[in-house]
PDB file of N, CA and C in Angstrom:
ATOM      1  N   UNK A   1      15.063  -7.645   3.410  1.00  0.00           N
ATOM      2  CA  UNK A   1      14.520  -7.002   3.528  1.00  0.00           C
ATOM      3  C   UNK A   1      13.630  -7.005   2.216  1.00  0.00           C
ATOM      4  N   UNK A   2      12.087  -7.079   1.545  1.00  0.00           N
ATOM      5  CA  UNK A   2      11.711  -7.132   0.542  1.00  0.00           C
ATOM      6  C   UNK A   2      10.581  -6.045   0.545  1.00  0.00           C
ATOM      7  N   UNK A   3      10.749  -5.116  -1.154  1.00  0.00           N
ATOM      8  CA  UNK A   3      10.336  -4.419  -1.373  1.00  0.00           C
ATOM      9  C   UNK A   3       8.921  -4.955  -2.698  1.00  0.00           C
ATOM     10  N   UNK A   4       7.892  -4.157  -2.255  1.00  0.00           N
ATOM     11  CA  UNK A   4       6.835  -4.423  -3.777  1.00  0.00           C
ATOM     12  C   UNK A   4       6.279  -3.426  -3.554  1.00  0.00           C
ATOM     13  N   UNK A   5       5.647  -3.351  -4.760  1.00  0.00           N
ATOM     14  CA  UNK A   5       5.209  -1.908  -5.592  1.00  0.00           C
ATOM     15  C   UNK A   5       3.742  -2.208  -6.031  1.00  0.00           C
ATOM     16  N   UNK A   6       2.848  -2.275  -5.432  1.00  0.00           N
ATOM     17  CA  UNK A   6       0.871  -2.352  -5.793  1.00  0.00           C
ATOM     18  C   UNK A   6       0.163  -0.998  -6.193  1.00  0.00           C
ATOM     19  N   UNK A   7      -0.407  -1.029  -7.464  1.00  0.00           N
ATOM     20  CA  UNK A   7      -0.798  -0.903  -7.996  1.00  0.00           C
ATOM     21  C   UNK A   7      -2.648  -0.959  -6.882  1.00  0.00           C
ATOM     22  N   UNK A   8      -2.873   0.969  -6.616  1.00  0.00           N
ATOM     23  CA  UNK A   8      -3.994   0.740  -6.201  1.00  0.00           C
ATOM     24  C   UNK A   8      -4.949   1.999  -6.684  1.00  0.00           C
ATOM     25  N   UNK A   9      -6.028   2.516  -6.943  1.00  0.00           N
ATOM     26  CA  UNK A   9      -7.003   3.227  -7.608  1.00  0.00           C
ATOM     27  C   UNK A   9      -7.868   3.791  -6.714  1.00  0.00           C
ATOM     28  N   UNK A  10      -8.233   4.768  -6.202  1.00  0.00           N
ATOM     29  CA  UNK A  10      -8.656   5.744  -6.174  1.00  0.00           C
ATOM     30  C   UNK A  10      -7.996   6.566  -5.002  1.00  0.00           C
ATOM     31  N   UNK A  11      -7.074   7.110  -5.240  1.00  0.00           N
ATOM     32  CA  UNK A  11      -5.817   7.968  -4.162  1.00  0.00           C
ATOM     33  C   UNK A  11      -6.172   9.584  -5.039  1.00  0.00           C
ATOM     34  N   UNK A  12      -6.139  10.025  -4.591  1.00  0.00           N
ATOM     35  CA  UNK A  12      -5.668  11.504  -4.987  1.00  0.00           C
ATOM     36  C   UNK A  12      -5.423  12.435  -4.088  1.00  0.00           C
ATOM     37  N   UNK A  13      -5.118  12.363  -2.758  1.00  0.00           N
ATOM     38  CA  UNK A  13      -4.948  13.795  -2.137  1.00  0.00           C
ATOM     39  C   UNK A  13      -3.894  12.987  -1.387  1.00  0.00           C
ATOM     40  N   UNK A  14      -3.455  13.935  -0.411  1.00  0.00           N
ATOM     41  CA  UNK A  14      -2.883  13.594   0.928  1.00  0.00           C
ATOM     42  C   UNK A  14      -3.329  13.287   1.839  1.00  0.00           C
ATOM     43  N   UNK A  15      -4.806  12.897   1.675  1.00  0.00           N
ATOM     44  CA  UNK A  15      -5.257  12.337   3.129  1.00  0.00           C
ATOM     45  C   UNK A  15      -5.465  10.478   2.538  1.00  0.00           C
ATOM     46  N   UNK A  16      -5.562  10.546   1.173  1.00  0.00           N
ATOM     47  CA  UNK A  16      -5.277   9.043   0.873  1.00  0.00           C
ATOM     48  C   UNK A  16      -3.878   8.496   1.262  1.00  0.00           C
ATOM     49  N   UNK A  17      -3.037  10.060   1.063  1.00  0.00           N
ATOM     50  CA  UNK A  17      -2.015   9.137   0.662  1.00  0.00           C
ATOM     51  C   UNK A  17      -1.576   8.965   2.450  1.00  0.00           C
ATOM     52  N   UNK A  18      -1.910   9.852   3.459  1.00  0.00           N
ATOM     53  CA  UNK A  18      -1.634   9.603   5.097  1.00  0.00           C
ATOM     54  C   UNK A  18      -2.443   8.459   5.603  1.00  0.00           C
ATOM     55  N   UNK A  19      -3.695   8.172   5.095  1.00  0.00           N
ATOM     56  CA  UNK A  19      -4.749   7.393   5.263  1.00  0.00           C
ATOM     57  C   UNK A  19      -3.865   5.969   5.297  1.00  0.00           C
ATOM     58  N   UNK A  20      -3.797   5.445   3.705  1.00  0.00           N
ATOM     59  CA  UNK A  20      -2.917   4.057   3.402  1.00  0.00           C
ATOM     60  C   UNK A  20      -1.573   4.210   3.854  1.00  0.00           C
ATOM     61  N   UNK A  21      -0.903   5.126   4.124  1.00  0.00           N
ATOM     62  CA  UNK A  21       0.784   5.097   4.971  1.00  0.00           C
ATOM     63  C   UNK A  21      -0.393   4.971   6.286  1.00  0.00           C
ATOM     64  N   UNK A  22      -0.887   5.011   7.041  1.00  0.00           N
ATOM     65  CA  UNK A  22      -0.893   4.539   8.301  1.00  0.00           C
ATOM     66  C   UNK A  22      -1.528   3.192   8.646  1.00  0.00           C
ATOM     67  N   UNK A  23      -2.804   2.592   7.398  1.00  0.00           N
ATOM     68  CA  UNK A  23      -3.231   1.432   7.818  1.00  0.00           C
ATOM     69  C   UNK A  23      -2.032   0.210   7.335  1.00  0.00           C
ATOM     70  N   UNK A  24      -1.629   0.877   6.170  1.00  0.00           N
ATOM     71  CA  UNK A  24      -0.477  -0.575   6.011  1.00  0.00           C
ATOM     72  C   UNK A  24       0.760  -0.811   6.853  1.00  0.00           C
ATOM     73  N   UNK A  25       0.794   0.738   7.002  1.00  0.00           N
ATOM     74  CA  UNK A  25       2.393   0.829   8.290  1.00  0.00           C
ATOM     75  C   UNK A  25       2.345   0.194   9.279  1.00  0.00           C
ATOM     76  N   UNK A  26       0.552  -0.274   9.841  1.00  0.00           N
ATOM     77  CA  UNK A  26       1.039  -1.120  11.000  1.00  0.00           C
ATOM     78  C   UNK A  26       1.007  -2.554  11.006  1.00  0.00           C
ATOM     79  N   UNK A  27       1.015  -2.867   9.709  1.00  0.00           N
ATOM     80  CA  UNK A  27       0.559  -4.436   9.429  1.00  0.00           C
ATOM     81  C   UNK A  27       2.253  -4.852  10.106  1.00  0.00           C
ATOM     82  N   UNK A  28       2.292  -5.893  10.726  1.00  0.00           N
ATOM     83  CA  UNK A  28       3.560  -6.684  11.000  1.00  0.00           C
ATOM     84  C   UNK A  28       4.203  -7.256  10.316  1.00  0.00           C
ATOM     85  N   UNK A  29       5.731  -6.568  10.694  1.00  0.00           N
ATOM     86  CA  UNK A  29       7.020  -6.827   9.291  1.00  0.00           C
ATOM     87  C   UNK A  29       6.954  -5.467   8.279  1.00  0.00           C
ATOM     88  N   UNK A  30       5.964  -4.602   8.541  1.00  0.00           N
ATOM     89  CA  UNK A  30       5.566  -3.146   7.515  1.00  0.00           C
ATOM     90  C   UNK A  30       6.801  -2.663   8.270  1.00  0.00           C
ATOM     91  N   UNK A  31       7.957  -2.191   7.536  1.00  0.00           N
ATOM     92  CA  UNK A  31       9.118  -1.178   7.712  1.00  0.00           C
ATOM     93  C   UNK A  31       9.007   0.345   7.049  1.00  0.00           C
ATOM     94  N   UNK A  32       8.362   0.380   5.686  1.00  0.00           N
ATOM     95  CA  UNK A  32       8.392   2.148   5.417  1.00  0.00           C
ATOM     96  C   UNK A  32       7.195   1.516   3.984  1.00  0.00           C
ATOM     97  N   UNK A  33       6.166   3.021   4.239  1.00  0.00           N
ATOM     98  CA  UNK A  33       5.371   2.477   2.580  1.00  0.00           C
ATOM     99  C   UNK A  33       5.198   3.962   2.570  1.00  0.00           C
ATOM    100  N   UNK A  34       5.217   3.844   0.726  1.00  0.00           N
ATOM    101  CA  UNK A  34       5.629   5.318  -0.301  1.00  0.00           C
ATOM    102  C   UNK A  34       4.527   5.086  -1.101  1.00  0.00           C
ATOM    103  N   UNK A  35       3.217   6.215  -1.007  1.00  0.00           N
ATOM    104  CA  UNK A  35       2.469   6.339  -1.597  1.00  0.00           C
ATOM    105  C   UNK A  35       2.745   7.456  -3.009  1.00  0.00           C
ATOM    106  N   UNK A  36       2.757   6.959  -3.941  1.00  0.00           N
ATOM    107  CA  UNK A  36       2.861   8.059  -4.911  1.00  0.00           C
ATOM    108  C   UNK A  36       1.346   8.147  -5.493  1.00  0.00           C
ATOM    109  N   UNK A  37       1.059   9.050  -5.178  1.00  0.00           N
ATOM    110  CA  UNK A  37      -0.433   9.592  -6.092  1.00  0.00           C
ATOM    111  C   UNK A  37      -0.263   9.800  -7.396  1.00  0.00           C
ATOM    112  N   UNK A  38       0.630  10.566  -8.401  1.00  0.00           N
ATOM    113  CA  UNK A  38       0.676  10.734  -9.909  1.00  0.00           C
ATOM    114  C   UNK A  38       0.614   9.372 -10.318  1.00  0.00           C
ATOM    115  N   UNK A  39       1.402   8.085  -9.811  1.00  0.00           N
ATOM    116  CA  UNK A  39       1.299   7.000 -10.679  1.00  0.00           C
ATOM    117  C   UNK A  39       0.179   6.325 -10.191  1.00  0.00           C
ATOM    118  N   UNK A  40      -0.119   6.137  -8.978  1.00  0.00           N
ATOM    119  CA  UNK A  40      -1.646   5.245  -8.357  1.00  0.00           C
ATOM    120  C   UNK A  40      -0.832   4.148  -7.840  1.00  0.00           C
ATOM    121  N   UNK A  41       0.181   4.400  -7.281  1.00  0.00           N
ATOM    122  CA  UNK A  41       0.968   2.883  -6.991  1.00  0.00           C
ATOM    123  C   UNK A  41       2.005   3.310  -5.371  1.00  0.00           C
ATOM    124  N   UNK A  42       2.135   1.795  -4.469  1.00  0.00           N
ATOM    125  CA  UNK A  42       1.984   1.986  -2.959  1.00  0.00           C
ATOM    126  C   UNK A  42       3.003   1.629  -2.996  1.00  0.00           C
ATOM    127  N   UNK A  43       4.359   1.622  -3.052  1.00  0.00           N
ATOM    128  CA  UNK A  43       6.088   0.394  -2.193  1.00  0.00           C
ATOM    129  C   UNK A  43       5.730   0.639  -0.898  1.00  0.00           C
ATOM    130  N   UNK A  44       5.765  -0.791  -0.923  1.00  0.00           N
ATOM    131  CA  UNK A  44       5.626  -1.575   0.728  1.00  0.00           C
ATOM    132  C   UNK A  44       7.024  -2.397   0.758  1.00  0.00           C
ATOM    133  N   UNK A  45       7.922  -1.686   1.728  1.00  0.00           N
ATOM    134  CA  UNK A  45       9.246  -2.158   2.841  1.00  0.00           C
ATOM    135  C   UNK A  45       8.284  -2.793   3.667  1.00  0.00           C
ATOM    136  N   UNK A  46       9.066  -4.551   3.545  1.00  0.00           N
ATOM    137  CA  UNK A  46       8.910  -5.064   4.974  1.00  0.00           C
ATOM    138  C   UNK A  46      10.286  -6.061   5.291  1.00  0.00           C
ATOM    139  N   UNK A  47       9.859  -6.876   6.347  1.00  0.00           N
ATOM    140  CA  UNK A  47      11.000  -7.345   6.949  1.00  0.00           C
ATOM    141  C   UNK A  47      10.914  -8.934   5.948  1.00  0.00           C
ATOM    142  N   UNK A  48       9.498  -9.288   5.820  1.00  0.00           N
ATOM    143  CA  UNK A  48       9.125 -10.521   5.193  1.00  0.00           C
ATOM    144  C   UNK A  48       8.181 -10.412   3.830  1.00  0.00           C
ATOM    145  N   UNK A  49       8.038 -11.556   2.761  1.00  0.00           N
ATOM    146  CA  UNK A  49       7.848 -11.277   2.207  1.00  0.00           C
ATOM    147  C   UNK A  49       6.456 -10.707   2.273  1.00  0.00           C
ATOM    148  N   UNK A  50       5.291  -9.511   1.585  1.00  0.00           N
ATOM    149  CA  UNK A  50       4.037  -9.253   1.770  1.00  0.00           C
ATOM    150  C   UNK A  50       3.137  -9.766   1.516  1.00  0.00           C
ATOM    151  N   UNK A  51       1.911  -9.940   2.338  1.00  0.00           N
ATOM    152  CA  UNK A  51       0.730 -11.015   2.056  1.00  0.00           C
ATOM    153  C   UNK A  51       0.140 -10.398   0.969  1.00  0.00           C
ATOM    154  N   UNK A  52       0.037 -10.759   0.126  1.00  0.00           N
ATOM    155  CA  UNK A  52      -1.071  -9.348  -1.460  1.00  0.00           C
ATOM    156  C   UNK A  52      -2.263  -9.431  -0.219  1.00  0.00           C
ATOM    157  N   UNK A  53      -2.852 -10.327  -0.437  1.00  0.00           N
ATOM    158  CA  UNK A  53      -4.344 -10.239   0.347  1.00  0.00           C
ATOM    159  C   UNK A  53      -4.649  -9.904   1.686  1.00  0.00           C
ATOM    160  N   UNK A  54      -3.490  -9.623   2.610  1.00  0.00           N
ATOM    161  CA  UNK A  54      -3.948  -8.965   3.978  1.00  0.00           C
ATOM    162  C   UNK A  54      -3.898  -7.665   3.456  1.00  0.00           C
ATOM    163  N   UNK A  55      -2.676  -7.351   2.082  1.00  0.00           N
ATOM    164  CA  UNK A  55      -2.252  -5.678   2.323  1.00  0.00           C
ATOM    165  C   UNK A  55      -3.328  -5.006   1.455  1.00  0.00           C
ATOM    166  N   UNK A  56      -4.165  -6.309   0.837  1.00  0.00           N
ATOM    167  CA  UNK A  56      -5.431  -5.704  -0.487  1.00  0.00           C
ATOM    168  C   UNK A  56      -6.400  -5.952   0.791  1.00  0.00           C
ATOM    169  N   UNK A  57      -6.554  -6.194   1.536  1.00  0.00           N
ATOM    170  CA  UNK A  57      -7.818  -5.940   2.116  1.00  0.00           C
ATOM    171  C   UNK A  57      -7.954  -4.601   3.287  1.00  0.00           C
ATOM    172  N   UNK A  58      -6.764  -4.348   4.305  1.00  0.00           N
ATOM    173  CA  UNK A  58      -6.344  -3.418   4.042  1.00  0.00           C
ATOM    174  C   UNK A  58      -6.869  -2.053   3.266  1.00  0.00           C
ATOM    175  N   UNK A  59      -6.018  -2.688   2.223  1.00  0.00           N
ATOM    176  CA  UNK A  59      -6.433  -1.165   1.136  1.00  0.00           C
ATOM    177  C   UNK A  59      -7.864  -1.138   1.109  1.00  0.00           C
ATOM    178  N   UNK A  60      -8.625  -1.794   0.669  1.00  0.00           N
ATOM    179  CA  UNK A  60     -10.175  -2.394   0.100  1.00  0.00           C
ATOM    180  C   UNK A  60     -11.079  -1.519   1.702  1.00  0.00           C
ATOM    181  N   UNK A  61     -10.256  -1.781   2.622  1.00  0.00           N
ATOM    182  CA  UNK A  61     -10.977  -1.432   3.692  1.00  0.00           C
ATOM    183  C   UNK A  61     -11.278   0.318   4.108  1.00  0.00           C
ATOM    184  N   UNK A  62     -10.104   0.419   4.148  1.00  0.00           N
ATOM    185  CA  UNK A  62      -9.325   1.985   3.600  1.00  0.00           C
ATOM    186  C   UNK A  62     -10.431   2.874   2.605  1.00  0.00           C
ATOM    187  N   UNK A  63     -10.942   2.052   1.810  1.00  0.00           N
ATOM    188  CA  UNK A  63     -11.678   2.842   0.630  1.00  0.00           C
ATOM    189  C   UNK A  63     -11.639   2.860  -0.294  1.00  0.00           C
ATOM    190  N   UNK A  64     -10.366   2.285  -0.648  1.00  0.00           N
ATOM    191  CA  UNK A  64      -9.558   2.299  -2.227  1.00  0.00           C
ATOM    192  C   UNK A  64      -9.954   0.616  -2.598  1.00  0.00           C
ATOM    193  N   UNK A  65      -8.774   0.144  -4.010  1.00  0.00           N
ATOM    194  CA  UNK A  65      -9.012  -0.348  -4.226  1.00  0.00           C
ATOM    195  C   UNK A  65      -7.612  -0.934  -5.123  1.00  0.00           C
ATOM    196  N   UNK A  66      -6.686  -2.216  -4.272  1.00  0.00           N
ATOM    197  CA  UNK A  66      -5.445  -2.277  -4.851  1.00  0.00           C
ATOM    198  C   UNK A  66      -5.950  -3.592  -6.412  1.00  0.00           C
ATOM    199  N   UNK A  67      -5.176  -3.135  -6.978  1.00  0.00           N
ATOM    200  CA  UNK A  67      -5.587  -3.751  -8.823  1.00  0.00           C
ATOM    201  C   UNK A  67      -4.699  -4.822  -9.052  1.00  0.00           C
ATOM    202  N   UNK A  68      -3.319  -5.193  -7.811  1.00  0.00           N
ATOM    203  CA  UNK A  68      -2.638  -5.858  -8.342  1.00  0.00           C
ATOM    204  C   UNK A  68      -0.693  -5.003  -7.785  1.00  0.00           C
ATOM    205  N   UNK A  69       0.050  -6.592  -8.652  1.00  0.00           N
ATOM    206  CA  UNK A  69       1.282  -5.346  -7.929  1.00  0.00           C
ATOM    207  C   UNK A  69       1.469  -5.460  -9.520  1.00  0.00           C
ATOM    208  N   UNK A  70       2.104  -3.512  -9.365  1.00  0.00           N
ATOM    209  CA  UNK A  70       2.418  -2.673 -10.609  1.00  0.00           C
ATOM    210  C   UNK A  70       3.960  -4.288 -11.032  1.00  0.00           C
ATOM    211  N   UNK A  71       4.181  -3.674 -12.425  1.00  0.00           N
ATOM    212  CA  UNK A  71       4.854  -4.491 -12.699  1.00  0.00           C
ATOM    213  C   UNK A  71       6.407  -3.782 -12.714  1.00  0.00           C
TER     214      UNK A  71
END
């Protein structure tokens, strides 16, 4: 299992959380998604190392901006 946390801007409400949880959760290998609106972070748990470019594209398509991996 791999757990990676990303910084995402533009999230502000429960709808944002639901949208990203669904969009990222549909990617192959993803077993969990935790969106924290307060910190602007999305934690992705997957069976393999996540593809940052693919996750970034999904986040962008949903209307948000992935600004990188969180420290």
